[in-house]
Amino acid sequence: MNAKHFLKLVARGNKQQLYRRF
């Protein structure tokens, strides 16, 4: 997973989606 992609997701505020992916 790229750090930039992670930052973009966090910036969008999609924390739920991120946690679901993990």
PDB file of N, CA and C in Angstrom:
ATOM      1  N   MET A   1       0.842  -1.200   0.000  1.00  0.00           N
ATOM      2  CA  MET A   1       0.000   0.000   0.000  1.00  0.00           C
ATOM      3  C   MET A   1       0.883   1.259   0.000  1.00  0.00           C
ATOM      4  N   ASN A   2       0.538   2.191  -0.855  1.00  0.00           N
ATOM      5  CA  ASN A   2       1.340   3.422  -0.944  1.00  0.00           C
ATOM      6  C   ASN A   2       0.938   4.418   0.132  1.00  0.00           C
ATOM      7  N   ALA A   3       1.920   5.122   0.663  1.00  0.00           N
ATOM      8  CA  ALA A   3       1.654   6.117   1.719  1.00  0.00           C
ATOM      9  C   ALA A   3       0.778   7.241   1.166  1.00  0.00           C
ATOM     10  N   LYS A   4       1.028   7.624  -0.078  1.00  0.00           N
ATOM     11  CA  LYS A   4       0.241   8.713  -0.677  1.00  0.00           C
ATOM     12  C   LYS A   4      -1.228   8.317  -0.762  1.00  0.00           C
ATOM     13  N   HIS A   5      -1.471   7.102  -1.195  1.00  0.00           N
ATOM     14  CA  HIS A   5      -2.854   6.623  -1.312  1.00  0.00           C
ATOM     15  C   HIS A   5      -3.519   6.619   0.059  1.00  0.00           C
ATOM     16  N   PHE A   6      -2.772   6.178   1.054  1.00  0.00           N
ATOM     17  CA  PHE A   6      -3.296   6.128   2.428  1.00  0.00           C
ATOM     18  C   PHE A   6      -3.647   7.530   2.896  1.00  0.00           C
ATOM     19  N   LEU A   7      -2.740   8.478   2.647  1.00  0.00           N
ATOM     20  CA  LEU A   7      -2.989   9.867   3.065  1.00  0.00           C
ATOM     21  C   LEU A   7      -4.207  10.425   2.353  1.00  0.00           C
ATOM     22  N   LYS A   8      -4.351  10.092   1.083  1.00  0.00           N
ATOM     23  CA  LYS A   8      -5.503  10.600   0.321  1.00  0.00           C
ATOM     24  C   LYS A   8      -6.808  10.079   0.918  1.00  0.00           C
ATOM     25  N   LEU A   9      -6.828   8.794   1.251  1.00  0.00           N
ATOM     26  CA  LEU A   9      -8.039   8.211   1.839  1.00  0.00           C
ATOM     27  C   LEU A   9      -8.349   8.873   3.170  1.00  0.00           C
ATOM     28  N   VAL A  10      -7.326   9.072   3.974  1.00  0.00           N
ATOM     29  CA  VAL A  10      -7.533   9.696   5.292  1.00  0.00           C
ATOM     30  C   VAL A  10      -8.023  11.127   5.104  1.00  0.00           C
ATOM     31  N   ALA A  11      -7.445  11.826   4.128  1.00  0.00           N
ATOM     32  CA  ALA A  11      -7.836  13.218   3.884  1.00  0.00           C
ATOM     33  C   ALA A  11      -9.311  13.272   3.492  1.00  0.00           C
ATOM     34  N   ARG A  12      -9.759  12.277   2.743  1.00  0.00           N
ATOM     35  CA  ARG A  12     -11.164  12.251   2.326  1.00  0.00           C
ATOM     36  C   ARG A  12     -12.069  12.007   3.527  1.00  0.00           C
ATOM     37  N   GLY A  13     -11.541  11.306   4.514  1.00  0.00           N
ATOM     38  CA  GLY A  13     -12.349  11.031   5.700  1.00  0.00           C
ATOM     39  C   GLY A  13     -13.018   9.669   5.588  1.00  0.00           C
ATOM     40  N   ASN A  14     -12.425   8.784   4.775  1.00  0.00           N
ATOM     41  CA  ASN A  14     -13.004   7.438   4.629  1.00  0.00           C
ATOM     42  C   ASN A  14     -12.291   6.476   5.564  1.00  0.00           C
ATOM     43  N   LYS A  15     -12.338   6.771   6.848  1.00  0.00           N
ATOM     44  CA  LYS A  15     -11.652   5.908   7.819  1.00  0.00           C
ATOM     45  C   LYS A  15     -12.313   4.541   7.874  1.00  0.00           C
ATOM     46  N   GLN A  16     -13.629   4.494   7.770  1.00  0.00           N
ATOM     47  CA  GLN A  16     -14.338   3.215   7.833  1.00  0.00           C
ATOM     48  C   GLN A  16     -13.876   2.299   6.711  1.00  0.00           C
ATOM     49  N   GLN A  17     -13.750   2.831   5.508  1.00  0.00           N
ATOM     50  CA  GLN A  17     -13.320   1.999   4.378  1.00  0.00           C
ATOM     51  C   GLN A  17     -11.898   1.488   4.608  1.00  0.00           C
ATOM     52  N   LEU A  18     -11.031   2.363   5.125  1.00  0.00           N
ATOM     53  CA  LEU A  18      -9.654   1.951   5.375  1.00  0.00           C
ATOM     54  C   LEU A  18      -9.616   0.793   6.370  1.00  0.00           C
ATOM     55  N   TYR A  19     -10.361   0.956   7.462  1.00  0.00           N
ATOM     56  CA  TYR A  19     -10.359  -0.103   8.474  1.00  0.00           C
ATOM     57  C   TYR A  19     -10.931  -1.394   7.906  1.00  0.00           C
ATOM     58  N   ARG A  20     -11.921  -1.266   7.034  1.00  0.00           N
ATOM     59  CA  ARG A  20     -12.517  -2.471   6.435  1.00  0.00           C
ATOM     60  C   ARG A  20     -11.503  -3.182   5.559  1.00  0.00           C
ATOM     61  N   ARG A  21     -10.685  -2.399   4.874  1.00  0.00           N
ATOM     62  CA  ARG A  21      -9.670  -3.004   3.990  1.00  0.00           C
ATOM     63  C   ARG A  21      -8.673  -3.803   4.818  1.00  0.00           C
ATOM     64  N   PHE A  22      -8.304  -3.244   5.957  1.00  0.00           N
ATOM     65  CA  PHE A  22      -7.336  -3.947   6.817  1.00  0.00           C
ATOM     66  C   PHE A  22      -8.007  -5.171   7.428  1.00  0.00           C
TER      67      PHE A  22
END
